[in-house]
C-alpha atoms as a PDB file:
ATOM      1  CA  MET A   1     -54.836 -10.326 -17.959  1.00  0.00           C
ATOM      2  CA  ASN A   2     -51.680  -8.699 -19.402  1.00  0.00           C
ATOM      3  CA  ASP A   3     -51.664  -6.096 -16.638  1.00  0.00           C
ATOM      4  CA  LYS A   4     -51.622  -8.830 -14.019  1.00  0.00           C
ATOM      5  CA  HIS A   5     -48.636 -10.571 -15.659  1.00  0.00           C
ATOM      6  CA  LEU A   6     -46.817  -7.267 -16.004  1.00  0.00           C
ATOM      7  CA  PHE A   7     -47.429  -6.484 -12.340  1.00  0.00           C
ATOM      8  CA  TYR A   8     -46.134  -9.891 -11.198  1.00  0.00           C
ATOM      9  CA  GLY A   9     -43.094  -9.547 -13.427  1.00  0.00           C
ATOM     10  CA  ALA A  10     -42.301  -6.113 -11.994  1.00  0.00           C
ATOM     11  CA  ILE A  11     -42.665  -7.397  -8.434  1.00  0.00           C
ATOM     12  CA  ALA A  12     -40.330 -10.312  -9.230  1.00  0.00           C
ATOM     13  CA  LEU A  13     -37.731  -7.940 -10.695  1.00  0.00           C
ATOM     14  CA  ILE A  14     -37.831  -5.876  -7.517  1.00  0.00           C
ATOM     15  CA  ILE A  15     -37.848  -8.750  -5.030  1.00  0.00           C
ATOM     16  CA  LEU A  16     -35.126 -10.872  -6.676  1.00  0.00           C
ATOM     17  CA  PRO A  17     -32.215  -8.389  -6.263  1.00  0.00           C
ATOM     18  CA  LEU A  18     -33.328  -7.502  -2.743  1.00  0.00           C
ATOM     19  CA  THR A  19     -33.440 -11.180  -1.775  1.00  0.00           C
ATOM     20  CA  LEU A  20     -30.001 -11.823  -3.230  1.00  0.00           C
ATOM     21  CA  GLY A  21     -28.625  -8.779  -1.433  1.00  0.00           C
ATOM     22  CA  PHE A  22     -29.949  -9.775   1.959  1.00  0.00           C
ATOM     23  CA  PHE A  23     -29.297 -13.500   1.814  1.00  0.00           C
ATOM     24  CA  GLY A  24     -26.245 -13.638  -0.450  1.00  0.00           C
ATOM     25  CA  GLY A  25     -23.730 -13.632   2.396  1.00  0.00           C
ATOM     26  CA  ASP A  26     -20.309 -12.038   2.520  1.00  0.00           C
ATOM     27  CA  LYS A  27     -18.363 -12.724  -0.628  1.00  0.00           C
ATOM     28  CA  PHE A  28     -14.865 -11.691  -1.576  1.00  0.00           C
ATOM     29  CA  ARG A  29     -13.686 -11.341  -5.145  1.00  0.00           C
ATOM     30  CA  TYR A  30     -10.331 -12.899  -4.255  1.00  0.00           C
ATOM     31  CA  PRO A  31      -9.805 -15.419  -1.455  1.00  0.00           C
ATOM     32  CA  CYS A  32      -6.897 -13.368  -0.090  1.00  0.00           C
ATOM     33  CA  GLN A  33      -9.202 -10.385   0.513  1.00  0.00           C
ATOM     34  CA  ASP A  34     -10.749 -12.362   3.361  1.00  0.00           C
ATOM     35  CA  PRO A  35      -8.744 -11.690   6.542  1.00  0.00           C
ATOM     36  CA  ALA A  36      -9.406 -15.284   7.643  1.00  0.00           C
ATOM     37  CA  ASN A  37      -7.238 -16.521   4.738  1.00  0.00           C
ATOM     38  CA  TRP A  38      -4.233 -14.217   5.226  1.00  0.00           C
ATOM     39  CA  GLU A  39      -2.255 -16.841   7.155  1.00  0.00           C
ATOM     40  CA  LYS A  40      -2.991 -19.684   4.701  1.00  0.00           C
ATOM     41  CA  ASP A  41      -0.402 -20.924   2.213  1.00  0.00           C
ATOM     42  CA  PHE A  42      -2.242 -19.757  -0.912  1.00  0.00           C
ATOM     43  CA  CYS A  43      -2.101 -16.151   0.353  1.00  0.00           C
ATOM     44  CA  LYS A  44       1.665 -16.174   0.935  1.00  0.00           C
ATOM     45  CA  PHE A  45       4.606 -15.799  -1.428  1.00  0.00           C
ATOM     46  CA  PRO A  46       5.462 -17.409  -3.865  1.00  0.00           C
ATOM     47  CA  ILE A  47       2.104 -19.126  -4.483  1.00  0.00           C
ATOM     48  CA  CYS A  48      -0.056 -15.980  -4.572  1.00  0.00           C
ATOM     49  CA  ASP A  49       2.554 -14.017  -6.518  1.00  0.00           C
ATOM     50  CA  VAL A  50       1.874 -16.084  -9.636  1.00  0.00           C
ATOM     51  CA  THR A  51      -1.796 -15.086  -9.756  1.00  0.00           C
ATOM     52  CA  ARG A  52      -1.164 -11.610  -8.239  1.00  0.00           C
ATOM     53  CA  THR A  53      -3.743 -12.248  -5.505  1.00  0.00           C
ATOM     54  CA  CYS A  54      -1.497 -11.623  -2.477  1.00  0.00           C
ATOM     55  CA  PRO A  55      -2.868  -9.088   0.015  1.00  0.00           C
ATOM     56  CA  GLU A  56      -0.005  -6.816  -1.062  1.00  0.00           C
ATOM     57  CA  HIS A  57      -1.293  -6.926  -4.644  1.00  0.00           C
ATOM     58  CA  ILE A  58      -4.984  -6.683  -3.830  1.00  0.00           C
ATOM     59  CA  PHE A  59      -4.673  -3.629  -1.604  1.00  0.00           C
ATOM     60  CA  LYS A  60      -2.422  -1.882  -4.224  1.00  0.00           C
ATOM     61  CA  GLY A  61      -0.354   0.799  -2.635  1.00  0.00           C
ATOM     62  CA  GLN A  62      -2.653   1.130   0.319  1.00  0.00           C
ATOM     63  CA  ARG A  63      -1.348   0.204   3.701  1.00  0.00           C
ATOM     64  CA  ASP A  64      -1.869  -3.428   4.630  1.00  0.00           C
ATOM     65  CA  PRO A  65      -4.846  -3.450   7.050  1.00  0.00           C
ATOM     66  CA  ARG A  66      -3.186  -6.222   9.096  1.00  0.00           C
ATOM     67  CA  LEU A  67      -0.546  -3.765  10.289  1.00  0.00           C
ATOM     68  CA  GLY A  68      -2.933  -1.307  11.926  1.00  0.00           C
ATOM     69  CA  PRO A  69      -2.491   2.480  11.838  1.00  0.00           C
ATOM     70  CA  PRO A  70       0.953   3.765  10.850  1.00  0.00           C
ATOM     71  CA  LYS A  71       3.414   4.907  13.480  1.00  0.00           C
ATOM     72  CA  PRO A  72       4.496   8.556  13.065  1.00  0.00           C
ATOM     73  CA  GLU A  73       8.229   7.744  13.014  1.00  0.00           C
ATOM     74  CA  SER A  74       7.867   4.960  10.445  1.00  0.00           C
ATOM     75  CA  THR A  75       6.649   7.130   7.576  1.00  0.00           C
ATOM     76  CA  PRO A  76       9.518   7.988   5.217  1.00  0.00           C
ATOM     77  CA  ALA A  77       9.869  11.529   3.931  1.00  0.00           C
ATOM     78  CA  VAL A  78       9.030  11.818   0.253  1.00  0.00           C
ATOM     79  CA  THR A  79      11.183  14.157  -1.773  1.00  0.00           C
ATOM     80  CA  SER A  80      10.358  15.307  -5.246  1.00  0.00           C
ATOM     81  CA  THR A  81      13.018  14.687  -7.893  1.00  0.00           C
ATOM     82  CA  PHE A  82      11.082  16.097 -10.839  1.00  0.00           C
ATOM     83  CA  THR A  83      13.125  17.881 -13.472  1.00  0.00           C
ATOM     84  CA  PRO A  84      11.375  19.304 -16.527  1.00  0.00           C
ATOM     85  CA  ALA A  85      12.404  17.895 -19.884  1.00  0.00           C
ATOM     86  CA  PRO A  86      14.171  20.210 -22.323  1.00  0.00           C
ATOM     87  CA  ALA A  87      12.142  21.657 -25.174  1.00  0.00           C
ATOM     88  CA  GLN A  88      12.324  19.376 -28.223  1.00  0.00           C
ATOM     89  CA  CYS A  89      10.653  21.531 -30.836  1.00  0.00           C
ATOM     90  CA  THR A  90      12.003  24.746 -32.250  1.00  0.00           C
ATOM     91  CA  GLN A  91       8.922  25.595 -34.319  1.00  0.00           C
ATOM     92  CA  PRO A  92       5.398  24.677 -33.261  1.00  0.00           C
ATOM     93  CA  LYS A  93       4.089  22.085 -35.692  1.00  0.00           C
ATOM     94  CA  GLY A  94       1.902  19.138 -34.739  1.00  0.00           C
ATOM     95  CA  ALA A  95       0.357  17.794 -31.577  1.00  0.00           C
ATOM     96  CA  ASN A  96       3.607  17.230 -29.649  1.00  0.00           C
ATOM     97  CA  CYS A  97       5.240  20.557 -30.414  1.00  0.00           C
ATOM     98  CA  GLY A  98       2.926  22.977 -28.664  1.00  0.00           C
ATOM     99  CA  LYS A  99      -0.276  24.422 -29.929  1.00  0.00           C
END
């Protein structure tokens, strides 16, 4: 009797996630991730800027998919302006002064 209940419980645990996966539909975490909402007021500044759910915020640093592939002449040249900091420690002592 216990084996039968265990078997039915295992089958239910397998079927439930599969059913939810197949019949759950397309869901977006934020409404502005859905391309159908990009032209609506709640996905435009200043309304979406308050909640940080604008497409510009959601796609963080990635190119906005609405714009299509980048044009070769529109990509700005990136130059490195890194300068190393001067040494602060004269004698190694502690975690921040070399090991």
